[in-house]
Amino acid sequence: MVAKGRNVIYMHPQDLLSIQRMLGESQTSLEIEHEYKVRLQMYHRDGNSGPLGTLGLLDMLRFLKLAPPAAEERAPEIDWREMPQDGRVRVEARFWGSWMPGVFLGFIESGTLAIRLDHDPVIRECRKDMVRFVEISDSPFELPEPPSPAAAVLEKPEPVEEQSEPGGLDEAEEYGDAGSPVKGQDVDWATLPAGTPVWVEMDDDLQDAVYVGQAGTAEAPMLRVAVGEEESEVPLSAVLYPGD
């Protein structure tokens, strides 16, 4: 049965499925249902039974000037193995619901394509149905070469010296005139009493502290220091001894 919410017209289930397949539609119109009813009655009055069948339905639908929707033209399949694999082939790959530009760089495995999206250093593995051809450029795509260690040293920017705030104290004034501080690993801590003032590197800053005692092991020596009321263990390299 079809056409809910209006006068119901019986259609043989086999005929209904055939009409839906022929027209590519899941619903039938009143025009089809009324013409079908007339033809089915005439067919049965002539001593036949059952559905109209394929030929009867074809004649009915063409009589009503009906036809299936035009099939979408499929783009010709691309033979990616015939394409240059040096980055000259510009493509678009479907990621995150949209087409994104990039280049074709060859194959990974099982026929999947190696695609590098623009502004993305990662080479991605894509199925063929995720990629569409755009054009072939004149020059190959070149991955930027990482700088050599020597170049990295040469290009390293000079550290910016921190300016003391107006009216504030620079480091020498803040920590007094005790002279050059000594690194923790160069101090014989066994000869210093607990409570000796030191400086400790914490949170990228030097903080006033007091030496409490030695800790750790001979292989990994540590120092116990107190910053305010809080004690903690720190490596020797994090401590500066201001000297006598």
C-alpha atoms as a PDB file:
ATOM      1  CA  MET A   1       0.000   0.000   0.000  1.00  0.00           C
ATOM      2  CA  VAL A   2       1.231   3.567  -0.658  1.00  0.00           C
ATOM      3  CA  ALA A   3       0.293   7.208  -0.340  1.00  0.00           C
ATOM      4  CA  LYS A   4      -0.273   7.617   3.404  1.00  0.00           C
ATOM      5  CA  GLY A   5      -2.522  10.510   4.346  1.00  0.00           C
ATOM      6  CA  ARG A   6      -4.573  10.344   1.108  1.00  0.00           C
ATOM      7  CA  ASN A   7      -6.868   7.861  -0.662  1.00  0.00           C
ATOM      8  CA  VAL A   8      -4.941   4.590  -0.524  1.00  0.00           C
ATOM      9  CA  ILE A   9      -4.334   2.842  -3.843  1.00  0.00           C
ATOM     10  CA  TYR A  10      -3.138  -0.730  -3.879  1.00  0.00           C
ATOM     11  CA  MET A  11       0.113  -1.384  -5.717  1.00  0.00           C
ATOM     12  CA  HIS A  12       1.597  -4.827  -6.002  1.00  0.00           C
ATOM     13  CA  PRO A  13       4.793  -4.863  -3.844  1.00  0.00           C
ATOM     14  CA  GLN A  14       6.869  -6.190  -6.753  1.00  0.00           C
ATOM     15  CA  ASP A  15       5.607  -3.438  -9.067  1.00  0.00           C
ATOM     16  CA  LEU A  16       6.183  -0.781  -6.401  1.00  0.00           C
ATOM     17  CA  LEU A  17       9.814  -1.834  -5.967  1.00  0.00           C
ATOM     18  CA  SER A  18      10.318  -1.898  -9.749  1.00  0.00           C
ATOM     19  CA  ILE A  19       8.953   1.648 -10.123  1.00  0.00           C
ATOM     20  CA  GLN A  20      11.170   2.905  -7.327  1.00  0.00           C
ATOM     21  CA  ARG A  21      14.233   1.319  -8.924  1.00  0.00           C
ATOM     22  CA  MET A  22      13.380   2.620 -12.409  1.00  0.00           C
ATOM     23  CA  LEU A  23      12.859   6.215 -11.268  1.00  0.00           C
ATOM     24  CA  GLY A  24      15.384   6.259  -8.435  1.00  0.00           C
ATOM     25  CA  GLU A  25      12.721   7.570  -6.066  1.00  0.00           C
ATOM     26  CA  SER A  26      11.424   6.170  -2.774  1.00  0.00           C
ATOM     27  CA  GLN A  27       7.936   7.707  -3.168  1.00  0.00           C
ATOM     28  CA  THR A  28       5.352   7.500  -5.941  1.00  0.00           C
ATOM     29  CA  SER A  29       3.172  10.365  -7.153  1.00  0.00           C
ATOM     30  CA  LEU A  30      -0.632  10.443  -7.440  1.00  0.00           C
ATOM     31  CA  GLU A  31      -0.239  10.538 -11.205  1.00  0.00           C
ATOM     32  CA  ILE A  32       1.639   7.216 -11.185  1.00  0.00           C
ATOM     33  CA  GLU A  33      -0.741   5.598  -8.704  1.00  0.00           C
ATOM     34  CA  HIS A  34      -3.906   6.484 -10.666  1.00  0.00           C
ATOM     35  CA  GLU A  35      -2.442   5.355 -13.987  1.00  0.00           C
ATOM     36  CA  TYR A  36      -1.204   2.156 -12.363  1.00  0.00           C
ATOM     37  CA  LYS A  37      -4.668   1.452 -10.890  1.00  0.00           C
ATOM     38  CA  VAL A  38      -6.331   1.753 -14.296  1.00  0.00           C
ATOM     39  CA  ARG A  39      -3.777  -0.464 -16.020  1.00  0.00           C
ATOM     40  CA  LEU A  40      -3.788  -3.105 -13.283  1.00  0.00           C
ATOM     41  CA  GLN A  41      -7.608  -3.352 -13.441  1.00  0.00           C
ATOM     42  CA  MET A  42      -7.519  -3.723 -17.222  1.00  0.00           C
ATOM     43  CA  TYR A  43      -4.751  -6.307 -16.948  1.00  0.00           C
ATOM     44  CA  HIS A  44      -6.734  -8.408 -14.468  1.00  0.00           C
ATOM     45  CA  ARG A  45     -10.011  -8.093 -16.429  1.00  0.00           C
ATOM     46  CA  ASP A  46      -8.252  -9.708 -19.346  1.00  0.00           C
ATOM     47  CA  GLY A  47      -7.795 -12.834 -17.234  1.00  0.00           C
ATOM     48  CA  ASN A  48      -4.314 -12.113 -15.903  1.00  0.00           C
ATOM     49  CA  SER A  49      -3.188 -11.982 -12.276  1.00  0.00           C
ATOM     50  CA  GLY A  50      -0.227 -10.726 -10.305  1.00  0.00           C
ATOM     51  CA  PRO A  51       1.941  -7.695 -11.022  1.00  0.00           C
ATOM     52  CA  LEU A  52       2.109  -5.756 -14.275  1.00  0.00           C
ATOM     53  CA  GLY A  53       5.768  -6.630 -14.637  1.00  0.00           C
ATOM     54  CA  THR A  54       8.717  -4.817 -16.084  1.00  0.00           C
ATOM     55  CA  LEU A  55       7.430  -4.288 -19.643  1.00  0.00           C
ATOM     56  CA  GLY A  56       4.028  -3.055 -18.476  1.00  0.00           C
ATOM     57  CA  LEU A  57       5.617  -0.619 -16.030  1.00  0.00           C
ATOM     58  CA  LEU A  58       8.073   0.672 -18.643  1.00  0.00           C
ATOM     59  CA  ASP A  59       5.213   1.431 -21.017  1.00  0.00           C
ATOM     60  CA  MET A  60       3.253   3.161 -18.234  1.00  0.00           C
ATOM     61  CA  LEU A  61       6.147   5.354 -17.077  1.00  0.00           C
ATOM     62  CA  ARG A  62       7.120   6.424 -20.580  1.00  0.00           C
ATOM     63  CA  PHE A  63       3.432   7.148 -21.311  1.00  0.00           C
ATOM     64  CA  LEU A  64       3.600   9.531 -18.328  1.00  0.00           C
ATOM     65  CA  LYS A  65       6.818  11.061 -19.780  1.00  0.00           C
ATOM     66  CA  LEU A  66       8.812   9.881 -16.767  1.00  0.00           C
ATOM     67  CA  ALA A  67      12.470   8.823 -16.787  1.00  0.00           C
ATOM     68  CA  PRO A  68      15.228   8.195 -14.263  1.00  0.00           C
ATOM     69  CA  PRO A  69      17.424  11.151 -13.262  1.00  0.00           C
ATOM     70  CA  ALA A  70      20.427  11.778 -15.444  1.00  0.00           C
ATOM     71  CA  ALA A  71      23.475   9.927 -14.159  1.00  0.00           C
ATOM     72  CA  GLU A  72      26.284  12.134 -12.914  1.00  0.00           C
ATOM     73  CA  GLU A  73      29.301  12.111 -15.154  1.00  0.00           C
ATOM     74  CA  ARG A  74      32.182  10.393 -13.426  1.00  0.00           C
ATOM     75  CA  ALA A  75      35.577  11.970 -13.732  1.00  0.00           C
ATOM     76  CA  PRO A  76      38.025   9.773 -15.626  1.00  0.00           C
ATOM     77  CA  GLU A  77      40.171   7.682 -13.309  1.00  0.00           C
ATOM     78  CA  ILE A  78      43.710   9.003 -12.981  1.00  0.00           C
ATOM     79  CA  ASP A  79      46.672   6.695 -13.537  1.00  0.00           C
ATOM     80  CA  TRP A  80      48.875   8.059 -10.766  1.00  0.00           C
ATOM     81  CA  ARG A  81      51.794   5.856 -11.850  1.00  0.00           C
ATOM     82  CA  GLU A  82      52.068   7.925 -15.010  1.00  0.00           C
ATOM     83  CA  MET A  83      52.274  11.134 -12.991  1.00  0.00           C
ATOM     84  CA  PRO A  84      55.597  12.779 -11.992  1.00  0.00           C
ATOM     85  CA  GLN A  85      56.465  11.948  -8.405  1.00  0.00           C
ATOM     86  CA  ASP A  86      58.741  14.927  -7.732  1.00  0.00           C
ATOM     87  CA  GLY A  87      56.117  17.330  -6.399  1.00  0.00           C
ATOM     88  CA  ARG A  88      55.218  18.945  -9.725  1.00  0.00           C
ATOM     89  CA  VAL A  89      51.707  17.493  -9.601  1.00  0.00           C
ATOM     90  CA  ARG A  90      49.404  19.848  -7.719  1.00  0.00           C
ATOM     91  CA  VAL A  91      46.435  18.118  -6.089  1.00  0.00           C
ATOM     92  CA  GLU A  92      43.676  18.614  -3.579  1.00  0.00           C
ATOM     93  CA  ALA A  93      43.154  16.095  -0.773  1.00  0.00           C
ATOM     94  CA  ARG A  94      40.033  15.767   1.334  1.00  0.00           C
ATOM     95  CA  PHE A  95      40.767  16.271   5.038  1.00  0.00           C
ATOM     96  CA  TRP A  96      38.492  17.350   7.889  1.00  0.00           C
ATOM     97  CA  GLY A  97      35.512  17.731   5.534  1.00  0.00           C
ATOM     98  CA  SER A  98      37.132  20.036   2.957  1.00  0.00           C
ATOM     99  CA  TRP A  99      39.495  19.918  -0.040  1.00  0.00           C
ATOM    100  CA  MET A 100      42.983  21.139   0.862  1.00  0.00           C
ATOM    101  CA  PRO A 101      45.782  21.973  -1.650  1.00  0.00           C
ATOM    102  CA  GLY A 102      49.021  20.030  -1.746  1.00  0.00           C
ATOM    103  CA  VAL A 103      51.384  18.020  -3.967  1.00  0.00           C
ATOM    104  CA  PHE A 104      51.689  14.368  -5.021  1.00  0.00           C
ATOM    105  CA  LEU A 105      55.006  12.758  -3.970  1.00  0.00           C
ATOM    106  CA  GLY A 106      54.537   9.134  -5.032  1.00  0.00           C
ATOM    107  CA  PHE A 107      53.237   6.007  -3.326  1.00  0.00           C
ATOM    108  CA  ILE A 108      53.438   4.630   0.205  1.00  0.00           C
ATOM    109  CA  GLU A 109      52.035   1.095   0.106  1.00  0.00           C
ATOM    110  CA  SER A 110      49.079  -0.860  -1.285  1.00  0.00           C
ATOM    111  CA  GLY A 111      48.523   1.876  -3.859  1.00  0.00           C
ATOM    112  CA  THR A 112      47.958   4.680  -1.341  1.00  0.00           C
ATOM    113  CA  LEU A 113      49.291   8.090  -2.342  1.00  0.00           C
ATOM    114  CA  ALA A 114      51.916  10.171  -0.559  1.00  0.00           C
ATOM    115  CA  ILE A 115      50.523  13.702  -0.287  1.00  0.00           C
ATOM    116  CA  ARG A 116      52.091  16.751   1.344  1.00  0.00           C
ATOM    117  CA  LEU A 117      49.598  19.497   2.087  1.00  0.00           C
ATOM    118  CA  ASP A 118      50.678  23.088   1.723  1.00  0.00           C
ATOM    119  CA  HIS A 119      52.087  24.587   4.939  1.00  0.00           C
ATOM    120  CA  ASP A 120      52.231  21.118   6.535  1.00  0.00           C
ATOM    121  CA  PRO A 121      55.599  19.324   6.840  1.00  0.00           C
ATOM    122  CA  VAL A 122      53.975  15.907   7.365  1.00  0.00           C
ATOM    123  CA  ILE A 123      53.673  13.611   4.327  1.00  0.00           C
ATOM    124  CA  ARG A 124      50.245  12.017   4.582  1.00  0.00           C
ATOM    125  CA  GLU A 125      48.969   8.670   3.287  1.00  0.00           C
ATOM    126  CA  CYS A 126      45.757   9.083   1.261  1.00  0.00           C
ATOM    127  CA  ARG A 127      43.435   6.747  -0.587  1.00  0.00           C
ATOM    128  CA  LYS A 128      42.962   7.550  -4.268  1.00  0.00           C
ATOM    129  CA  ASP A 129      39.342   8.540  -3.716  1.00  0.00           C
ATOM    130  CA  MET A 130      40.536  11.227  -1.259  1.00  0.00           C
ATOM    131  CA  VAL A 131      42.694  12.980  -3.876  1.00  0.00           C
ATOM    132  CA  ARG A 132      41.873  14.876  -7.055  1.00  0.00           C
ATOM    133  CA  PHE A 133      44.252  16.184  -9.716  1.00  0.00           C
ATOM    134  CA  VAL A 134      44.650  19.954 -10.203  1.00  0.00           C
ATOM    135  CA  GLU A 135      47.602  20.665 -12.503  1.00  0.00           C
ATOM    136  CA  ILE A 136      51.252  19.922 -13.259  1.00  0.00           C
ATOM    137  CA  SER A 137      53.524  22.839 -12.388  1.00  0.00           C
ATOM    138  CA  ASP A 138      56.768  23.726 -14.183  1.00  0.00           C
ATOM    139  CA  SER A 139      59.120  23.222 -11.233  1.00  0.00           C
ATOM    140  CA  PRO A 140      59.299  20.359  -8.719  1.00  0.00           C
ATOM    141  CA  PHE A 141      58.337  20.866  -5.116  1.00  0.00           C
ATOM    142  CA  GLU A 142      61.322  21.055  -2.771  1.00  0.00           C
ATOM    143  CA  LEU A 143      61.197  20.259   0.909  1.00  0.00           C
ATOM    144  CA  PRO A 144      63.069  22.852   2.958  1.00  0.00           C
ATOM    145  CA  GLU A 145      66.381  21.449   4.177  1.00  0.00           C
ATOM    146  CA  PRO A 146      67.003  21.608   7.924  1.00  0.00           C
ATOM    147  CA  PRO A 147      69.816  24.029   8.848  1.00  0.00           C
ATOM    148  CA  SER A 148      73.226  22.533   9.606  1.00  0.00           C
ATOM    149  CA  PRO A 149      74.417  22.659  13.231  1.00  0.00           C
ATOM    150  CA  ALA A 150      76.958  25.336  12.290  1.00  0.00           C
ATOM    151  CA  ALA A 151      74.297  27.455  10.618  1.00  0.00           C
ATOM    152  CA  ALA A 152      72.008  27.003  13.600  1.00  0.00           C
ATOM    153  CA  VAL A 153      74.733  28.380  15.871  1.00  0.00           C
ATOM    154  CA  LEU A 154      75.380  31.300  13.537  1.00  0.00           C
ATOM    155  CA  GLU A 155      71.689  32.124  13.285  1.00  0.00           C
ATOM    156  CA  LYS A 156      71.046  31.878  17.001  1.00  0.00           C
ATOM    157  CA  PRO A 157      69.874  35.309  18.125  1.00  0.00           C
ATOM    158  CA  GLU A 158      71.879  37.171  20.665  1.00  0.00           C
ATOM    159  CA  PRO A 159      70.332  37.077  24.150  1.00  0.00           C
ATOM    160  CA  VAL A 160      68.627  40.291  25.099  1.00  0.00           C
ATOM    161  CA  GLU A 161      69.948  41.762  28.297  1.00  0.00           C
ATOM    162  CA  GLU A 162      67.233  42.430  30.794  1.00  0.00           C
ATOM    163  CA  GLN A 163      66.984  46.042  31.802  1.00  0.00           C
ATOM    164  CA  SER A 164      66.549  46.785  35.453  1.00  0.00           C
ATOM    165  CA  GLU A 165      63.365  48.579  36.287  1.00  0.00           C
ATOM    166  CA  PRO A 166      63.666  52.265  37.093  1.00  0.00           C
ATOM    167  CA  GLY A 167      64.585  52.658  40.728  1.00  0.00           C
ATOM    168  CA  GLY A 168      65.302  48.909  41.063  1.00  0.00           C
ATOM    169  CA  LEU A 169      68.559  47.108  41.864  1.00  0.00           C
ATOM    170  CA  ASP A 170      70.678  45.288  39.326  1.00  0.00           C
ATOM    171  CA  GLU A 171      72.014  41.813  40.168  1.00  0.00           C
ATOM    172  CA  ALA A 172      75.294  43.053  41.673  1.00  0.00           C
ATOM    173  CA  GLU A 173      73.485  45.537  43.922  1.00  0.00           C
ATOM    174  CA  GLU A 174      70.796  43.018  44.870  1.00  0.00           C
ATOM    175  CA  TYR A 175      73.250  40.383  46.050  1.00  0.00           C
ATOM    176  CA  GLY A 176      75.815  42.745  47.572  1.00  0.00           C
ATOM    177  CA  ASP A 177      79.555  42.986  47.034  1.00  0.00           C
ATOM    178  CA  ALA A 178      80.496  39.472  48.037  1.00  0.00           C
ATOM    179  CA  GLY A 179      82.532  39.004  44.847  1.00  0.00           C
ATOM    180  CA  SER A 180      82.092  36.359  42.153  1.00  0.00           C
ATOM    181  CA  PRO A 181      79.826  33.514  43.311  1.00  0.00           C
ATOM    182  CA  VAL A 182      81.124  29.936  43.189  1.00  0.00           C
ATOM    183  CA  LYS A 183      79.184  27.158  41.471  1.00  0.00           C
ATOM    184  CA  GLY A 184      77.874  24.458  43.750  1.00  0.00           C
ATOM    185  CA  GLN A 185      79.960  21.671  42.238  1.00  0.00           C
ATOM    186  CA  ASP A 186      83.156  23.634  43.006  1.00  0.00           C
ATOM    187  CA  VAL A 187      82.416  24.023  46.744  1.00  0.00           C
ATOM    188  CA  ASP A 188      83.462  21.642  49.527  1.00  0.00           C
ATOM    189  CA  TRP A 189      80.064  21.574  51.249  1.00  0.00           C
ATOM    190  CA  ALA A 190      81.317  19.318  54.033  1.00  0.00           C
ATOM    191  CA  THR A 191      83.297  22.265  55.403  1.00  0.00           C
ATOM    192  CA  LEU A 192      80.350  24.693  55.450  1.00  0.00           C
ATOM    193  CA  PRO A 193      77.912  24.855  58.364  1.00  0.00           C
ATOM    194  CA  ALA A 194      74.170  24.593  58.005  1.00  0.00           C
ATOM    195  CA  GLY A 195      72.581  27.986  57.666  1.00  0.00           C
ATOM    196  CA  THR A 196      75.168  29.321  55.190  1.00  0.00           C
ATOM    197  CA  PRO A 197      73.463  31.784  52.803  1.00  0.00           C
ATOM    198  CA  VAL A 198      73.332  30.635  49.167  1.00  0.00           C
ATOM    199  CA  TRP A 199      71.471  31.414  45.991  1.00  0.00           C
ATOM    200  CA  VAL A 200      69.323  28.796  44.278  1.00  0.00           C
ATOM    201  CA  GLU A 201      68.067  28.734  40.690  1.00  0.00           C
ATOM    202  CA  MET A 202      64.321  28.093  40.830  1.00  0.00           C
ATOM    203  CA  ASP A 203      61.667  28.911  38.262  1.00  0.00           C
ATOM    204  CA  ASP A 204      64.274  30.552  36.011  1.00  0.00           C
ATOM    205  CA  ASP A 205      65.276  32.954  38.752  1.00  0.00           C
ATOM    206  CA  LEU A 206      67.869  33.215  41.540  1.00  0.00           C
ATOM    207  CA  GLN A 207      66.349  33.073  44.987  1.00  0.00           C
ATOM    208  CA  ASP A 208      67.850  33.668  48.419  1.00  0.00           C
ATOM    209  CA  ALA A 209      68.200  30.433  50.404  1.00  0.00           C
ATOM    210  CA  VAL A 210      70.214  28.809  53.155  1.00  0.00           C
ATOM    211  CA  TYR A 211      72.254  25.638  52.990  1.00  0.00           C
ATOM    212  CA  VAL A 212      70.801  22.870  55.177  1.00  0.00           C
ATOM    213  CA  GLY A 213      72.999  19.884  54.385  1.00  0.00           C
ATOM    214  CA  GLN A 214      74.168  17.344  51.839  1.00  0.00           C
ATOM    215  CA  ALA A 215      71.871  14.762  50.242  1.00  0.00           C
ATOM    216  CA  GLY A 216      71.747  12.324  47.351  1.00  0.00           C
ATOM    217  CA  THR A 217      74.486   9.792  46.632  1.00  0.00           C
ATOM    218  CA  ALA A 218      78.158   9.897  45.716  1.00  0.00           C
ATOM    219  CA  GLU A 219      77.209   9.308  42.077  1.00  0.00           C
ATOM    220  CA  ALA A 220      74.405  11.890  42.147  1.00  0.00           C
ATOM    221  CA  PRO A 221      75.105  14.385  44.941  1.00  0.00           C
ATOM    222  CA  MET A 222      72.339  16.792  45.951  1.00  0.00           C
ATOM    223  CA  LEU A 223      71.993  19.624  48.438  1.00  0.00           C
ATOM    224  CA  ARG A 224      69.219  20.368  50.873  1.00  0.00           C
ATOM    225  CA  VAL A 225      68.364  24.055  50.896  1.00  0.00           C
ATOM    226  CA  ALA A 226      65.630  26.111  52.492  1.00  0.00           C
ATOM    227  CA  VAL A 227      63.857  28.910  50.626  1.00  0.00           C
ATOM    228  CA  GLY A 228      61.899  30.668  53.320  1.00  0.00           C
ATOM    229  CA  GLU A 229      60.314  27.909  55.366  1.00  0.00           C
ATOM    230  CA  GLU A 230      60.253  25.350  52.580  1.00  0.00           C
ATOM    231  CA  GLU A 231      63.081  22.825  52.258  1.00  0.00           C
ATOM    232  CA  SER A 232      63.915  20.948  49.068  1.00  0.00           C
ATOM    233  CA  GLU A 233      66.679  18.915  47.447  1.00  0.00           C
ATOM    234  CA  VAL A 234      68.389  20.476  44.428  1.00  0.00           C
ATOM    235  CA  PRO A 235      71.375  19.482  42.270  1.00  0.00           C
ATOM    236  CA  LEU A 236      74.748  21.103  42.903  1.00  0.00           C
ATOM    237  CA  SER A 237      74.556  22.951  39.576  1.00  0.00           C
ATOM    238  CA  ALA A 238      71.469  24.844  40.775  1.00  0.00           C
ATOM    239  CA  VAL A 239      73.283  26.391  43.768  1.00  0.00           C
ATOM    240  CA  LEU A 240      75.626  29.397  43.872  1.00  0.00           C
ATOM    241  CA  TYR A 241      77.779  30.057  46.923  1.00  0.00           C
ATOM    242  CA  PRO A 242      78.380  33.818  47.335  1.00  0.00           C
ATOM    243  CA  GLY A 243      81.664  33.243  49.140  1.00  0.00           C
ATOM    244  CA  ASP A 244      82.985  34.698  52.339  1.00  0.00           C
END
